[in-house]
């Protein structure tokens, strides 16, 4: 499950894997670096994929966000009630989590920013944070939504959650407390993104609206429809 084989390509590779394997494996102390200006050069994109990963039972649901890519070249995938992480350094696949109840499937995954956390939400309105350095679950937020959590967004200290109930919550995973929550949409939330300075949250919902929320002002700044 969740395997794959490399595919040869001509020219440069579309994915550049980190060769410093000691800093990118789960359970090691990972470092986080921003790309330098020299790395932002134009490059040709090959037409053939570098690698194809098999992901059986990947849920076909528009509202779920089941894949994320970390700053340390890990790809997380939620497959039904299980969570897998693939390492771009070693091509190793690790199963991090499996729910006791098969019907309690994973609905969203998101890596932390400049920290070793991987967050995932489920159908029960819970969010769990997995510490990749310690290789264990670190924090769990329970009953923060009435229904599944299909969208997540992370900053270095906060995690935003978007549910089927149209509500967005912002949690602090250092103090394990809620910073704020607000009714953003009348229908299920499809996506969440933080601004580059982590001061605003953008959300999209099935009500065909885009909402911008200011963390500094603790209020909605704009709504587009």
Protein backbone atom coordinates (compact mmCIF):
# COMPACT_ATOMS: atom_id res chain seq x y z
CA UNK A 1 0.00 0.00 0.00
CA UNK A 2 1.13 3.53 -0.86
CA UNK A 3 4.08 2.23 -2.84
CA UNK A 4 5.62 3.56 -6.01
CA UNK A 5 8.35 3.31 -8.59
CA UNK A 6 10.63 5.96 -10.06
CA UNK A 7 10.18 6.99 -13.67
CA UNK A 8 13.16 8.09 -15.74
CA UNK A 9 12.92 11.52 -17.29
CA UNK A 10 15.05 13.63 -19.56
CA UNK A 11 16.37 17.00 -18.47
CA UNK A 12 15.99 18.30 -14.96
CA UNK A 13 13.73 16.68 -12.41
CA UNK A 14 10.44 18.30 -11.49
CA UNK A 15 11.08 17.42 -7.83
CA UNK A 16 14.34 18.15 -6.07
CA UNK A 17 14.86 15.78 -3.16
CA UNK A 18 16.96 16.76 -0.19
CA UNK A 19 20.14 14.67 -0.12
CA UNK A 20 20.81 15.37 3.58
CA UNK A 21 18.96 12.30 4.76
CA UNK A 22 19.91 12.64 8.41
CA UNK A 23 17.75 15.76 8.73
CA UNK A 24 14.61 14.68 6.89
CA UNK A 25 13.61 11.32 8.32
CA UNK A 26 10.71 11.00 10.74
CA UNK A 27 12.02 10.68 14.28
CA UNK A 28 15.10 12.87 13.65
CA UNK A 29 15.53 16.54 14.49
CA UNK A 30 14.38 18.23 11.29
CA UNK A 31 15.53 21.67 10.21
CA UNK A 32 13.49 24.19 8.25
CA UNK A 33 15.07 26.46 5.68
CA UNK A 34 13.65 28.99 3.27
CA UNK A 35 14.77 28.79 -0.38
CA UNK A 36 17.46 31.27 -1.38
CA UNK A 37 17.21 33.57 -4.36
CA UNK A 38 19.70 31.38 -6.26
CA UNK A 39 17.23 28.47 -6.08
CA UNK A 40 14.46 30.46 -7.76
CA UNK A 41 15.78 30.04 -11.29
CA UNK A 42 13.66 29.16 -14.27
CA UNK A 43 13.78 25.50 -15.25
CA UNK A 44 12.20 23.25 -17.82
CA UNK A 45 9.43 20.96 -16.60
CA UNK A 46 9.56 17.37 -17.93
CA UNK A 47 6.38 15.86 -19.33
CA UNK A 48 6.86 12.53 -17.55
CA UNK A 49 6.36 12.14 -13.78
CA UNK A 50 9.42 11.56 -11.61
CA UNK A 51 7.55 9.13 -9.35
CA UNK A 52 4.07 7.64 -9.16
CA UNK A 53 2.74 6.59 -5.77
CA UNK A 54 -0.09 4.09 -5.41
CA UNK A 55 -2.78 5.42 -3.07
CA UNK A 56 -5.61 2.86 -2.98
CA UNK A 57 -8.83 3.92 -1.27
CA UNK A 58 -8.10 7.62 -1.68
CA UNK A 59 -11.53 9.08 -1.00
CA UNK A 60 -13.23 10.74 -3.97
CA UNK A 61 -14.69 13.78 -2.23
CA UNK A 62 -14.31 17.38 -3.42
CA UNK A 63 -14.54 18.81 0.11
CA UNK A 64 -11.67 16.84 1.62
CA UNK A 65 -7.99 17.88 1.65
CA UNK A 66 -6.14 14.58 1.94
CA UNK A 67 -2.63 15.44 0.68
CA UNK A 68 0.02 17.86 1.90
CA UNK A 69 3.74 18.37 1.25
CA UNK A 70 6.08 19.50 4.03
CA UNK A 71 9.06 21.86 4.01
CA UNK A 72 11.23 18.79 4.69
CA UNK A 73 10.06 16.85 1.64
CA UNK A 74 7.47 14.58 3.23
CA UNK A 75 4.14 13.85 1.58
CA UNK A 76 1.24 13.02 3.91
CA UNK A 77 -1.83 11.19 2.59
CA UNK A 78 -5.03 10.26 4.40
CA UNK A 79 -6.41 6.94 3.15
CA UNK A 80 -9.77 6.15 4.75
CA UNK A 81 -9.01 5.76 8.48
CA UNK A 82 -5.20 5.62 8.10
CA UNK A 83 -2.49 8.26 7.75
CA UNK A 84 0.67 7.61 5.73
CA UNK A 85 3.81 9.69 5.19
CA UNK A 86 6.20 9.21 2.27
CA UNK A 87 9.77 10.53 2.53
CA UNK A 88 11.21 12.22 -0.54
CA UNK A 89 14.70 11.62 0.85
CA UNK A 90 14.56 7.83 1.11
CA UNK A 91 11.23 6.89 -0.57
CA UNK A 92 10.33 5.23 2.72
CA UNK A 93 6.63 4.96 3.60
CA UNK A 94 5.49 5.03 7.21
CA UNK A 95 2.02 4.44 8.61
CA UNK A 96 1.57 6.98 11.40
CA UNK A 97 -2.01 6.44 12.49
CA UNK A 98 -5.04 4.19 12.10
CA UNK A 99 -8.41 4.85 13.70
CA UNK A 100 -10.06 2.10 15.72
CA UNK A 101 -13.32 2.73 13.86
CA UNK A 102 -12.97 2.29 10.09
CA UNK A 103 -15.91 4.67 9.49
CA UNK A 104 -14.04 7.47 11.29
CA UNK A 105 -12.03 8.41 8.22
CA UNK A 106 -9.43 11.15 7.82
CA UNK A 107 -10.79 14.28 6.14
CA UNK A 108 -7.82 16.68 6.07
CA UNK A 109 -4.06 16.79 6.57
CA UNK A 110 -1.65 19.72 6.96
CA UNK A 111 2.00 20.05 7.95
CA UNK A 112 3.03 22.72 10.46
CA UNK A 113 5.11 25.69 9.42
CA UNK A 114 8.67 25.73 10.79
CA UNK A 115 7.83 23.00 13.30
CA UNK A 116 7.74 19.19 13.25
CA UNK A 117 3.96 18.80 13.49
CA UNK A 118 1.55 17.05 11.14
CA UNK A 119 -2.13 17.78 11.78
CA UNK A 120 -5.10 15.76 10.59
CA UNK A 121 -8.86 16.10 11.06
CA UNK A 122 -11.53 13.41 11.04
CA UNK A 123 -15.28 12.85 10.74
CA UNK A 124 -15.80 13.21 14.50
CA UNK A 125 -14.82 16.88 14.64
CA UNK A 126 -11.40 16.15 16.14
CA UNK A 127 -7.93 17.38 15.17
CA UNK A 128 -4.81 15.44 16.14
CA UNK A 129 -1.22 16.68 15.92
CA UNK A 130 1.57 14.20 15.33
CA UNK A 131 5.12 15.18 16.34
CA UNK A 132 7.38 13.83 13.59
CA UNK A 133 10.54 14.33 15.64
CA UNK A 134 9.26 12.29 18.57
CA UNK A 135 7.25 9.98 16.31
CA UNK A 136 4.13 10.18 18.47
CA UNK A 137 0.85 12.04 18.85
CA UNK A 138 1.37 15.28 20.76
CA UNK A 139 -1.94 17.16 20.93
CA UNK A 140 -5.61 16.43 20.28
CA UNK A 141 -8.44 18.97 20.04
CA UNK A 142 -11.83 17.29 20.58
CA UNK A 143 -15.37 18.37 19.74
CA UNK A 144 -14.36 21.61 18.02
CA UNK A 145 -16.80 21.02 15.16
CA UNK A 146 -20.22 19.44 14.77
CA UNK A 147 -19.17 17.06 12.02
CA UNK A 148 -16.17 16.41 9.84
CA UNK A 149 -13.19 18.74 9.44
CA UNK A 150 -12.36 18.96 5.76
CA UNK A 151 -9.84 21.83 5.83
CA UNK A 152 -6.79 22.73 7.92
CA UNK A 153 -4.22 25.53 7.84
CA UNK A 154 -1.08 25.91 9.95
CA UNK A 155 1.23 28.67 11.15
CA UNK A 156 4.30 28.17 13.39
CA UNK A 157 2.05 28.37 16.49
CA UNK A 158 -1.57 28.12 15.37
CA UNK A 159 -3.84 25.79 13.44
CA UNK A 160 -7.06 26.83 11.73
CA UNK A 161 -9.83 24.28 11.19
CA UNK A 162 -12.78 24.42 8.80
CA UNK A 163 -15.76 22.13 9.20
CA UNK A 164 -18.94 21.00 7.53
CA UNK A 165 -20.76 23.31 9.97
CA UNK A 166 -19.30 26.36 8.18
CA UNK A 167 -17.36 27.38 11.29
CA UNK A 168 -13.63 28.15 11.43
CA UNK A 169 -11.70 27.77 14.68
CA UNK A 170 -8.14 28.90 15.40
CA UNK A 171 -6.30 26.82 18.00
CA UNK A 172 -2.97 27.45 19.74
CA UNK A 173 -1.13 24.14 19.92
CA UNK A 174 1.39 25.45 22.46
CA UNK A 175 -1.20 26.27 25.14
CA UNK A 176 -3.79 23.83 23.66
CA UNK A 177 -6.47 26.52 23.83
CA UNK A 178 -8.83 28.12 21.34
CA UNK A 179 -7.88 31.59 20.15
CA UNK A 180 -11.15 32.32 18.36
CA UNK A 181 -13.94 30.79 16.29
CA UNK A 182 -16.37 32.36 13.83
CA UNK A 183 -19.13 31.46 11.41
CA UNK A 184 -17.48 31.93 8.04
CA UNK A 185 -19.85 30.15 5.65
CA UNK A 186 -23.40 28.89 5.40
CA UNK A 187 -22.26 25.57 3.94
CA UNK A 188 -19.25 23.27 4.20
CA UNK A 189 -15.78 24.84 4.07
CA UNK A 190 -13.69 23.57 1.15
CA UNK A 191 -10.31 25.21 1.79
CA UNK A 192 -8.24 27.32 4.18
CA UNK A 193 -5.05 29.32 3.59
CA UNK A 194 -3.01 31.65 5.81
CA UNK A 195 -1.43 34.81 4.43
CA UNK A 196 2.41 34.81 4.22
CA UNK A 197 2.64 36.92 7.41
CA UNK A 198 0.16 34.59 9.22
CA UNK A 199 -2.11 37.52 10.09
CA UNK A 200 -5.09 36.69 7.85
CA UNK A 201 -7.04 33.55 6.96
CA UNK A 202 -8.74 33.02 3.60
CA UNK A 203 -11.53 30.45 3.39
CA UNK A 204 -13.69 29.12 0.59
CA UNK A 205 -17.02 27.36 1.05
CA UNK A 206 -19.71 25.51 -0.83
CA UNK A 207 -21.81 28.67 -0.54
CA UNK A 208 -19.62 30.08 -3.34
CA UNK A 209 -18.02 32.70 -1.08
CA UNK A 210 -14.45 33.66 -0.22
CA UNK A 211 -13.99 35.12 3.26
CA UNK A 212 -10.93 36.98 4.57
CA UNK A 213 -10.48 37.11 8.34
CA UNK A 214 -7.98 39.26 10.25
CA UNK A 215 -6.36 37.63 13.26
CA UNK A 216 -5.13 41.02 14.49
CA UNK A 217 -8.59 42.60 14.30
CA UNK A 218 -10.42 39.39 15.25
CA UNK A 219 -13.05 40.09 12.60
CA UNK A 220 -13.97 39.44 8.97
CA UNK A 221 -12.29 41.90 6.63
CA UNK A 222 -13.95 41.05 3.33
CA UNK A 223 -16.38 38.65 1.67
CA UNK A 224 -16.35 37.88 -2.06
CA UNK A 225 -19.10 36.02 -3.90
